[in-house]
PDB file of N, CA and C in Angstrom:
ATOM      1  N   UNK A   1     -74.468  51.416  31.051  1.00  0.00           N
ATOM      2  CA  UNK A   1     -73.510  52.475  30.793  1.00  0.00           C
ATOM      3  C   UNK A   1     -72.396  51.945  29.885  1.00  0.00           C
ATOM      4  N   UNK A   2     -71.969  52.783  28.991  1.00  0.00           N
ATOM      5  CA  UNK A   2     -70.905  52.404  28.049  1.00  0.00           C
ATOM      6  C   UNK A   2     -69.544  52.420  28.697  1.00  0.00           C
ATOM      7  N   UNK A   3     -68.703  51.475  28.281  1.00  0.00           N
ATOM      8  CA  UNK A   3     -67.314  51.475  28.745  1.00  0.00           C
ATOM      9  C   UNK A   3     -66.528  52.537  27.994  1.00  0.00           C
ATOM     10  N   UNK A   4     -65.629  53.200  28.697  1.00  0.00           N
ATOM     11  CA  UNK A   4     -64.745  54.143  28.031  1.00  0.00           C
ATOM     12  C   UNK A   4     -63.654  53.368  27.322  1.00  0.00           C
ATOM     13  N   UNK A   5     -63.262  53.860  26.163  1.00  0.00           N
ATOM     14  CA  UNK A   5     -62.269  53.167  25.354  1.00  0.00           C
ATOM     15  C   UNK A   5     -61.092  54.089  25.059  1.00  0.00           C
ATOM     16  N   UNK A   6     -59.974  53.478  24.738  1.00  0.00           N
ATOM     17  CA  UNK A   6     -58.800  54.205  24.282  1.00  0.00           C
ATOM     18  C   UNK A   6     -58.339  53.589  22.979  1.00  0.00           C
ATOM     19  N   UNK A   7     -57.824  54.434  22.102  1.00  0.00           N
ATOM     20  CA  UNK A   7     -57.322  54.004  20.801  1.00  0.00           C
ATOM     21  C   UNK A   7     -55.808  54.141  20.816  1.00  0.00           C
ATOM     22  N   UNK A   8     -55.131  53.064  20.427  1.00  0.00           N
ATOM     23  CA  UNK A   8     -53.675  53.004  20.478  1.00  0.00           C
ATOM     24  C   UNK A   8     -53.132  52.797  19.074  1.00  0.00           C
ATOM     25  N   UNK A   9     -52.170  53.602  18.685  1.00  0.00           N
ATOM     26  CA  UNK A   9     -51.508  53.470  17.393  1.00  0.00           C
ATOM     27  C   UNK A   9     -50.150  52.826  17.620  1.00  0.00           C
ATOM     28  N   UNK A  10     -49.922  51.704  16.956  1.00  0.00           N
ATOM     29  CA  UNK A  10     -48.670  50.957  17.098  1.00  0.00           C
ATOM     30  C   UNK A  10     -47.916  50.892  15.778  1.00  0.00           C
ATOM     31  N   UNK A  11     -46.588  50.898  15.884  1.00  0.00           N
ATOM     32  CA  UNK A  11     -45.710  50.690  14.740  1.00  0.00           C
ATOM     33  C   UNK A  11     -45.057  49.321  14.890  1.00  0.00           C
ATOM     34  N   UNK A  12     -44.936  48.614  13.775  1.00  0.00           N
ATOM     35  CA  UNK A  12     -44.308  47.299  13.764  1.00  0.00           C
ATOM     36  C   UNK A  12     -42.873  47.465  13.297  1.00  0.00           C
ATOM     37  N   UNK A  13     -41.936  46.968  14.095  1.00  0.00           N
ATOM     38  CA  UNK A  13     -40.515  47.041  13.747  1.00  0.00           C
ATOM     39  C   UNK A  13     -39.903  45.650  13.814  1.00  0.00           C
ATOM     40  N   UNK A  14     -38.901  45.413  13.002  1.00  0.00           N
ATOM     41  CA  UNK A  14     -38.190  44.142  13.046  1.00  0.00           C
ATOM     42  C   UNK A  14     -38.516  43.219  11.892  1.00  0.00           C
ATOM     43  N   UNK A  15     -39.756  43.218  11.452  1.00  0.00           N
ATOM     44  CA  UNK A  15     -40.152  42.444  10.284  1.00  0.00           C
ATOM     45  C   UNK A  15     -41.400  43.072   9.672  1.00  0.00           C
ATOM     46  N   UNK A  16     -41.618  42.797   8.415  1.00  0.00           N
ATOM     47  CA  UNK A  16     -42.774  43.353   7.724  1.00  0.00           C
ATOM     48  C   UNK A  16     -43.899  42.324   7.744  1.00  0.00           C
ATOM     49  N   UNK A  17     -45.067  42.751   8.225  1.00  0.00           N
ATOM     50  CA  UNK A  17     -46.206  41.864   8.356  1.00  0.00           C
ATOM     51  C   UNK A  17     -47.361  42.317   7.470  1.00  0.00           C
ATOM     52  N   UNK A  18     -48.187  41.359   7.054  1.00  0.00           N
ATOM     53  CA  UNK A  18     -49.439  41.720   6.402  1.00  0.00           C
ATOM     54  C   UNK A  18     -50.509  41.834   7.492  1.00  0.00           C
ATOM     55  N   UNK A  19     -51.713  42.215   7.114  1.00  0.00           N
ATOM     56  CA  UNK A  19     -52.752  42.457   8.110  1.00  0.00           C
ATOM     57  C   UNK A  19     -53.090  41.202   8.910  1.00  0.00           C
ATOM     58  N   UNK A  20     -53.181  40.077   8.249  1.00  0.00           N
ATOM     59  CA  UNK A  20     -53.524  38.832   8.932  1.00  0.00           C
ATOM     60  C   UNK A  20     -52.463  38.459   9.978  1.00  0.00           C
ATOM     61  N   UNK A  21     -51.198  38.577   9.624  1.00  0.00           N
ATOM     62  CA  UNK A  21     -50.112  38.262  10.546  1.00  0.00           C
ATOM     63  C   UNK A  21     -50.075  39.261  11.708  1.00  0.00           C
ATOM     64  N   UNK A  22     -50.337  40.537  11.429  1.00  0.00           N
ATOM     65  CA  UNK A  22     -50.347  41.552  12.488  1.00  0.00           C
ATOM     66  C   UNK A  22     -51.474  41.271  13.486  1.00  0.00           C
ATOM     67  N   UNK A  23     -52.644  40.912  12.978  1.00  0.00           N
ATOM     68  CA  UNK A  23     -53.770  40.556  13.853  1.00  0.00           C
ATOM     69  C   UNK A  23     -53.404  39.374  14.751  1.00  0.00           C
ATOM     70  N   UNK A  24     -52.763  38.380  14.158  1.00  0.00           N
ATOM     71  CA  UNK A  24     -52.375  37.185  14.910  1.00  0.00           C
ATOM     72  C   UNK A  24     -51.329  37.520  15.975  1.00  0.00           C
ATOM     73  N   UNK A  25     -50.374  38.374  15.646  1.00  0.00           N
ATOM     74  CA  UNK A  25     -49.335  38.766  16.608  1.00  0.00           C
ATOM     75  C   UNK A  25     -49.949  39.495  17.806  1.00  0.00           C
ATOM     76  N   UNK A  26     -50.883  40.392  17.542  1.00  0.00           N
ATOM     77  CA  UNK A  26     -51.539  41.136  18.623  1.00  0.00           C
ATOM     78  C   UNK A  26     -52.390  40.192  19.470  1.00  0.00           C
ATOM     79  N   UNK A  27     -53.143  39.332  18.821  1.00  0.00           N
ATOM     80  CA  UNK A  27     -53.989  38.377  19.541  1.00  0.00           C
ATOM     81  C   UNK A  27     -53.139  37.469  20.437  1.00  0.00           C
ATOM     82  N   UNK A  28     -52.044  36.953  19.890  1.00  0.00           N
ATOM     83  CA  UNK A  28     -51.154  36.094  20.672  1.00  0.00           C
ATOM     84  C   UNK A  28     -50.578  36.839  21.874  1.00  0.00           C
ATOM     85  N   UNK A  29     -50.195  38.091  21.676  1.00  0.00           N
ATOM     86  CA  UNK A  29     -49.612  38.887  22.760  1.00  0.00           C
ATOM     87  C   UNK A  29     -50.621  39.096  23.888  1.00  0.00           C
ATOM     88  N   UNK A  30     -51.829  39.472  23.528  1.00  0.00           N
ATOM     89  CA  UNK A  30     -52.844  39.757  24.541  1.00  0.00           C
ATOM     90  C   UNK A  30     -53.237  38.487  25.295  1.00  0.00           C
ATOM     91  N   UNK A  31     -53.486  37.406  24.563  1.00  0.00           N
ATOM     92  CA  UNK A  31     -53.913  36.166  25.218  1.00  0.00           C
ATOM     93  C   UNK A  31     -52.803  35.528  26.049  1.00  0.00           C
ATOM     94  N   UNK A  32     -51.556  35.618  25.609  1.00  0.00           N
ATOM     95  CA  UNK A  32     -50.480  34.990  26.376  1.00  0.00           C
ATOM     96  C   UNK A  32     -50.208  35.735  27.680  1.00  0.00           C
ATOM     97  N   UNK A  33     -50.385  37.048  27.694  1.00  0.00           N
ATOM     98  CA  UNK A  33     -50.113  37.821  28.904  1.00  0.00           C
ATOM     99  C   UNK A  33     -51.325  37.921  29.825  1.00  0.00           C
ATOM    100  N   UNK A  34     -52.508  38.162  29.252  1.00  0.00           N
ATOM    101  CA  UNK A  34     -53.703  38.402  30.058  1.00  0.00           C
ATOM    102  C   UNK A  34     -54.559  37.160  30.278  1.00  0.00           C
ATOM    103  N   UNK A  35     -54.408  36.154  29.434  1.00  0.00           N
ATOM    104  CA  UNK A  35     -55.276  34.986  29.523  1.00  0.00           C
ATOM    105  C   UNK A  35     -56.641  35.286  28.930  1.00  0.00           C
ATOM    106  N   UNK A  36     -57.508  34.310  28.929  1.00  0.00           N
ATOM    107  CA  UNK A  36     -58.827  34.490  28.322  1.00  0.00           C
ATOM    108  C   UNK A  36     -59.686  35.493  29.078  1.00  0.00           C
ATOM    109  N   UNK A  37     -59.690  35.406  30.392  1.00  0.00           N
ATOM    110  CA  UNK A  37     -60.513  36.319  31.197  1.00  0.00           C
ATOM    111  C   UNK A  37     -60.027  37.765  31.056  1.00  0.00           C
ATOM    112  N   UNK A  38     -58.719  37.959  31.173  1.00  0.00           N
ATOM    113  CA  UNK A  38     -58.164  39.304  31.045  1.00  0.00           C
ATOM    114  C   UNK A  38     -58.353  39.881  29.655  1.00  0.00           C
ATOM    115  N   UNK A  39     -58.230  39.031  28.641  1.00  0.00           N
ATOM    116  CA  UNK A  39     -58.422  39.497  27.264  1.00  0.00           C
ATOM    117  C   UNK A  39     -59.865  39.924  27.036  1.00  0.00           C
ATOM    118  N   UNK A  40     -60.800  39.195  27.609  1.00  0.00           N
ATOM    119  CA  UNK A  40     -62.200  39.588  27.435  1.00  0.00           C
ATOM    120  C   UNK A  40     -62.508  40.881  28.185  1.00  0.00           C
ATOM    121  N   UNK A  41     -61.880  41.093  29.334  1.00  0.00           N
ATOM    122  CA  UNK A  41     -62.063  42.344  30.076  1.00  0.00           C
ATOM    123  C   UNK A  41     -61.408  43.516  29.355  1.00  0.00           C
ATOM    124  N   UNK A  42     -60.266  43.268  28.732  1.00  0.00           N
ATOM    125  CA  UNK A  42     -59.563  44.327  28.001  1.00  0.00           C
ATOM    126  C   UNK A  42     -60.334  44.734  26.755  1.00  0.00           C
ATOM    127  N   UNK A  43     -61.084  43.798  26.185  1.00  0.00           N
ATOM    128  CA  UNK A  43     -61.893  44.065  24.996  1.00  0.00           C
ATOM    129  C   UNK A  43     -61.043  44.691  23.882  1.00  0.00           C
ATOM    130  N   UNK A  44     -59.828  44.170  23.695  1.00  0.00           N
ATOM    131  CA  UNK A  44     -58.916  44.688  22.680  1.00  0.00           C
ATOM    132  C   UNK A  44     -59.418  44.290  21.303  1.00  0.00           C
ATOM    133  N   UNK A  45     -59.510  45.268  20.418  1.00  0.00           N
ATOM    134  CA  UNK A  45     -59.985  45.014  19.055  1.00  0.00           C
ATOM    135  C   UNK A  45     -59.033  45.660  18.057  1.00  0.00           C
ATOM    136  N   UNK A  46     -58.568  44.867  17.114  1.00  0.00           N
ATOM    137  CA  UNK A  46     -57.710  45.340  16.023  1.00  0.00           C
ATOM    138  C   UNK A  46     -58.608  46.104  15.062  1.00  0.00           C
ATOM    139  N   UNK A  47     -58.370  47.404  14.896  1.00  0.00           N
ATOM    140  CA  UNK A  47     -59.287  48.247  14.120  1.00  0.00           C
ATOM    141  C   UNK A  47     -58.856  48.435  12.664  1.00  0.00           C
ATOM    142  N   UNK A  48     -57.655  48.957  12.448  1.00  0.00           N
ATOM    143  CA  UNK A  48     -57.191  49.276  11.094  1.00  0.00           C
ATOM    144  C   UNK A  48     -55.725  48.929  10.955  1.00  0.00           C
ATOM    145  N   UNK A  49     -55.291  48.798   9.691  1.00  0.00           N
ATOM    146  CA  UNK A  49     -53.903  48.434   9.410  1.00  0.00           C
ATOM    147  C   UNK A  49     -53.427  49.185   8.181  1.00  0.00           C
ATOM    148  N   UNK A  50     -52.201  49.710   8.248  1.00  0.00           N
ATOM    149  CA  UNK A  50     -51.569  50.371   7.108  1.00  0.00           C
ATOM    150  C   UNK A  50     -50.305  49.578   6.779  1.00  0.00           C
ATOM    151  N   UNK A  51     -50.366  48.784   5.709  1.00  0.00           N
ATOM    152  CA  UNK A  51     -49.250  47.902   5.345  1.00  0.00           C
ATOM    153  C   UNK A  51     -48.023  48.693   4.903  1.00  0.00           C
ATOM    154  N   UNK A  52     -48.215  49.802   4.225  1.00  0.00           N
ATOM    155  CA  UNK A  52     -47.096  50.596   3.739  1.00  0.00           C
ATOM    156  C   UNK A  52     -46.262  51.190   4.855  1.00  0.00           C
ATOM    157  N   UNK A  53     -46.927  51.705   5.874  1.00  0.00           N
ATOM    158  CA  UNK A  53     -46.228  52.322   7.001  1.00  0.00           C
ATOM    159  C   UNK A  53     -46.020  51.358   8.163  1.00  0.00           C
ATOM    160  N   UNK A  54     -46.587  50.147   8.068  1.00  0.00           N
ATOM    161  CA  UNK A  54     -46.515  49.145   9.130  1.00  0.00           C
ATOM    162  C   UNK A  54     -47.057  49.718  10.445  1.00  0.00           C
ATOM    163  N   UNK A  55     -48.265  50.269  10.370  1.00  0.00           N
ATOM    164  CA  UNK A  55     -48.959  50.813  11.535  1.00  0.00           C
ATOM    165  C   UNK A  55     -50.289  50.096  11.704  1.00  0.00           C
ATOM    166  N   UNK A  56     -50.719  49.954  12.950  1.00  0.00           N
ATOM    167  CA  UNK A  56     -52.061  49.434  13.178  1.00  0.00           C
ATOM    168  C   UNK A  56     -52.711  50.161  14.345  1.00  0.00           C
ATOM    169  N   UNK A  57     -54.034  50.162  14.326  1.00  0.00           N
ATOM    170  CA  UNK A  57     -54.839  50.828  15.335  1.00  0.00           C
ATOM    171  C   UNK A  57     -55.539  49.771  16.171  1.00  0.00           C
ATOM    172  N   UNK A  58     -55.460  49.934  17.471  1.00  0.00           N
ATOM    173  CA  UNK A  58     -56.050  48.983  18.408  1.00  0.00           C
ATOM    174  C   UNK A  58     -56.958  49.752  19.358  1.00  0.00           C
ATOM    175  N   UNK A  59     -58.120  49.184  19.653  1.00  0.00           N
ATOM    176  CA  UNK A  59     -59.034  49.778  20.631  1.00  0.00           C
ATOM    177  C   UNK A  59     -59.076  48.869  21.854  1.00  0.00           C
ATOM    178  N   UNK A  60     -59.074  49.470  23.046  1.00  0.00           N
ATOM    179  CA  UNK A  60     -59.180  48.668  24.260  1.00  0.00           C
ATOM    180  C   UNK A  60     -59.961  49.437  25.311  1.00  0.00           C
ATOM    181  N   UNK A  61     -60.331  48.741  26.365  1.00  0.00           N
ATOM    182  CA  UNK A  61     -61.062  49.328  27.473  1.00  0.00           C
ATOM    183  C   UNK A  61     -60.124  50.206  28.299  1.00  0.00           C
ATOM    184  N   UNK A  62     -60.628  51.332  28.770  1.00  0.00           N
ATOM    185  CA  UNK A  62     -59.822  52.230  29.595  1.00  0.00           C
ATOM    186  C   UNK A  62     -59.389  51.547  30.898  1.00  0.00           C
ATOM    187  N   UNK A  63     -60.248  50.722  31.461  1.00  0.00           N
ATOM    188  CA  UNK A  63     -59.933  50.036  32.710  1.00  0.00           C
ATOM    189  C   UNK A  63     -58.760  49.067  32.551  1.00  0.00           C
ATOM    190  N   UNK A  64     -58.557  48.529  31.359  1.00  0.00           N
ATOM    191  CA  UNK A  64     -57.475  47.572  31.106  1.00  0.00           C
ATOM    192  C   UNK A  64     -56.360  48.154  30.245  1.00  0.00           C
ATOM    193  N   UNK A  65     -56.269  49.454  30.182  1.00  0.00           N
ATOM    194  CA  UNK A  65     -55.302  50.114  29.304  1.00  0.00           C
ATOM    195  C   UNK A  65     -53.863  49.709  29.617  1.00  0.00           C
ATOM    196  N   UNK A  66     -53.459  49.805  30.862  1.00  0.00           N
ATOM    197  CA  UNK A  66     -52.062  49.522  31.219  1.00  0.00           C
ATOM    198  C   UNK A  66     -51.692  48.069  30.957  1.00  0.00           C
ATOM    199  N   UNK A  67     -52.574  47.149  31.276  1.00  0.00           N
ATOM    200  CA  UNK A  67     -52.267  45.734  31.049  1.00  0.00           C
ATOM    201  C   UNK A  67     -52.238  45.407  29.557  1.00  0.00           C
ATOM    202  N   UNK A  68     -53.071  46.075  28.763  1.00  0.00           N
ATOM    203  CA  UNK A  68     -53.057  45.860  27.313  1.00  0.00           C
ATOM    204  C   UNK A  68     -51.754  46.372  26.714  1.00  0.00           C
ATOM    205  N   UNK A  69     -51.323  47.551  27.124  1.00  0.00           N
ATOM    206  CA  UNK A  69     -50.055  48.110  26.639  1.00  0.00           C
ATOM    207  C   UNK A  69     -48.896  47.199  27.031  1.00  0.00           C
ATOM    208  N   UNK A  70     -48.912  46.710  28.262  1.00  0.00           N
ATOM    209  CA  UNK A  70     -47.843  45.823  28.730  1.00  0.00           C
ATOM    210  C   UNK A  70     -47.810  44.527  27.935  1.00  0.00           C
ATOM    211  N   UNK A  71     -48.979  43.956  27.661  1.00  0.00           N
ATOM    212  CA  UNK A  71     -49.022  42.687  26.929  1.00  0.00           C
ATOM    213  C   UNK A  71     -48.444  42.828  25.532  1.00  0.00           C
ATOM    214  N   UNK A  72     -48.720  43.923  24.865  1.00  0.00           N
ATOM    215  CA  UNK A  72     -48.212  44.125  23.506  1.00  0.00           C
ATOM    216  C   UNK A  72     -46.730  44.478  23.526  1.00  0.00           C
ATOM    217  N   UNK A  73     -46.298  45.209  24.545  1.00  0.00           N
ATOM    218  CA  UNK A  73     -44.877  45.555  24.656  1.00  0.00           C
ATOM    219  C   UNK A  73     -44.020  44.316  24.895  1.00  0.00           C
ATOM    220  N   UNK A  74     -44.578  43.293  25.522  1.00  0.00           N
ATOM    221  CA  UNK A  74     -43.820  42.080  25.814  1.00  0.00           C
ATOM    222  C   UNK A  74     -43.707  41.136  24.624  1.00  0.00           C
ATOM    223  N   UNK A  75     -44.374  41.438  23.536  1.00  0.00           N
ATOM    224  CA  UNK A  75     -44.275  40.609  22.320  1.00  0.00           C
ATOM    225  C   UNK A  75     -42.938  40.909  21.650  1.00  0.00           C
ATOM    226  N   UNK A  76     -41.984  39.982  21.761  1.00  0.00           N
ATOM    227  CA  UNK A  76     -40.643  40.210  21.224  1.00  0.00           C
ATOM    228  C   UNK A  76     -40.306  39.312  20.044  1.00  0.00           C
ATOM    229  N   UNK A  77     -41.158  38.327  19.769  1.00  0.00           N
ATOM    230  CA  UNK A  77     -40.897  37.419  18.650  1.00  0.00           C
ATOM    231  C   UNK A  77     -42.221  37.004  18.013  1.00  0.00           C
ATOM    232  N   UNK A  78     -42.185  36.824  16.713  1.00  0.00           N
ATOM    233  CA  UNK A  78     -43.337  36.330  15.975  1.00  0.00           C
ATOM    234  C   UNK A  78     -42.806  35.462  14.840  1.00  0.00           C
ATOM    235  N   UNK A  79     -43.326  34.252  14.725  1.00  0.00           N
ATOM    236  CA  UNK A  79     -42.838  33.274  13.740  1.00  0.00           C
ATOM    237  C   UNK A  79     -41.329  33.052  13.877  1.00  0.00           C
ATOM    238  N   UNK A  80     -40.864  32.959  15.099  1.00  0.00           N
ATOM    239  CA  UNK A  80     -39.459  32.684  15.423  1.00  0.00           C
ATOM    240  C   UNK A  80     -38.499  33.750  14.903  1.00  0.00           C
ATOM    241  N   UNK A  81     -38.998  34.952  14.702  1.00  0.00           N
ATOM    242  CA  UNK A  81     -38.157  36.082  14.289  1.00  0.00           C
ATOM    243  C   UNK A  81     -38.437  37.249  15.220  1.00  0.00           C
ATOM    244  N   UNK A  82     -37.431  38.079  15.505  1.00  0.00           N
ATOM    245  CA  UNK A  82     -37.644  39.202  16.429  1.00  0.00           C
ATOM    246  C   UNK A  82     -38.611  40.241  15.858  1.00  0.00           C
ATOM    247  N   UNK A  83     -39.397  40.815  16.757  1.00  0.00           N
ATOM    248  CA  UNK A  83     -40.350  41.854  16.371  1.00  0.00           C
ATOM    249  C   UNK A  83     -40.509  42.810  17.553  1.00  0.00           C
ATOM    250  N   UNK A  84     -40.833  44.052  17.251  1.00  0.00           N
ATOM    251  CA  UNK A  84     -41.133  45.041  18.286  1.00  0.00           C
ATOM    252  C   UNK A  84     -42.395  45.775  17.873  1.00  0.00           C
ATOM    253  N   UNK A  85     -43.323  45.884  18.800  1.00  0.00           N
ATOM    254  CA  UNK A  85     -44.558  46.628  18.571  1.00  0.00           C
ATOM    255  C   UNK A  85     -44.478  47.872  19.449  1.00  0.00           C
ATOM    256  N   UNK A  86     -44.236  49.014  18.830  1.00  0.00           N
ATOM    257  CA  UNK A  86     -43.996  50.267  19.544  1.00  0.00           C
ATOM    258  C   UNK A  86     -45.248  51.138  19.578  1.00  0.00           C
ATOM    259  N   UNK A  87     -45.610  51.590  20.765  1.00  0.00           N
ATOM    260  CA  UNK A  87     -46.740  52.494  20.925  1.00  0.00           C
ATOM    261  C   UNK A  87     -46.331  53.878  20.429  1.00  0.00           C
ATOM    262  N   UNK A  88     -47.050  54.385  19.439  1.00  0.00           N
ATOM    263  CA  UNK A  88     -46.747  55.701  18.857  1.00  0.00           C
ATOM    264  C   UNK A  88     -47.634  56.794  19.446  1.00  0.00           C
ATOM    265  N   UNK A  89     -48.955  56.545  19.482  1.00  0.00           N
ATOM    266  CA  UNK A  89     -49.914  57.534  19.977  1.00  0.00           C
ATOM    267  C   UNK A  89     -51.020  56.827  20.742  1.00  0.00           C
ATOM    268  N   UNK A  90     -51.686  57.605  21.593  1.00  0.00           N
ATOM    269  CA  UNK A  90     -52.824  57.089  22.345  1.00  0.00           C
ATOM    270  C   UNK A  90     -53.819  58.226  22.517  1.00  0.00           C
ATOM    271  N   UNK A  91     -55.113  57.920  22.342  1.00  0.00           N
ATOM    272  CA  UNK A  91     -56.123  58.964  22.492  1.00  0.00           C
ATOM    273  C   UNK A  91     -57.481  58.327  22.779  1.00  0.00           C
ATOM    274  N   UNK A  92     -58.426  59.169  23.157  1.00  0.00           N
ATOM    275  CA  UNK A  92     -59.786  58.725  23.404  1.00  0.00           C
ATOM    276  C   UNK A  92     -60.640  58.731  22.156  1.00  0.00           C
ATOM    277  N   UNK A  93     -60.100  59.238  21.037  1.00  0.00           N
ATOM    278  CA  UNK A  93     -60.868  59.234  19.788  1.00  0.00           C
ATOM    279  C   UNK A  93     -59.978  58.790  18.631  1.00  0.00           C
ATOM    280  N   UNK A  94     -60.589  58.154  17.659  1.00  0.00           N
ATOM    281  CA  UNK A  94     -59.876  57.669  16.489  1.00  0.00           C
ATOM    282  C   UNK A  94     -59.294  58.828  15.690  1.00  0.00           C
ATOM    283  N   UNK A  95     -60.039  59.915  15.626  1.00  0.00           N
ATOM    284  CA  UNK A  95     -59.645  61.069  14.821  1.00  0.00           C
ATOM    285  C   UNK A  95     -58.272  61.619  15.234  1.00  0.00           C
ATOM    286  N   UNK A  96     -57.973  61.609  16.508  1.00  0.00           N
ATOM    287  CA  UNK A  96     -56.708  62.168  16.983  1.00  0.00           C
ATOM    288  C   UNK A  96     -55.529  61.212  16.817  1.00  0.00           C
ATOM    289  N   UNK A  97     -55.807  59.935  16.624  1.00  0.00           N
ATOM    290  CA  UNK A  97     -54.741  58.953  16.514  1.00  0.00           C
ATOM    291  C   UNK A  97     -54.482  58.585  15.059  1.00  0.00           C
ATOM    292  N   UNK A  98     -55.521  58.297  14.318  1.00  0.00           N
ATOM    293  CA  UNK A  98     -55.404  57.768  12.947  1.00  0.00           C
ATOM    294  C   UNK A  98     -55.649  58.909  11.964  1.00  0.00           C
ATOM    295  N   UNK A  99     -54.673  59.778  11.795  1.00  0.00           N
ATOM    296  CA  UNK A  99     -54.835  60.881  10.853  1.00  0.00           C
ATOM    297  C   UNK A  99     -53.633  61.051   9.977  1.00  0.00           C
TER     298      UNK A  99
END
């Protein structure tokens, strides 16, 4: 049986990042809060990035939704500079979030 997924749209505030840096910031946030086992259960995947608007799309497992949101919300610094990753939208389909 397939796992249910949720798509999360985040805005980056505090500093301007490129796609590679944004991926690293999200990965660091998830692994530091959830650990390796929790990160694998969350199955968080960086899907898309919009550099102009500083938005990115993340997919995660429905069962680990709350812990994934918490891990990203706790990311307050990246490269020794303040950053905020704000949840803008959440949905069960990409079409409703990334439009």
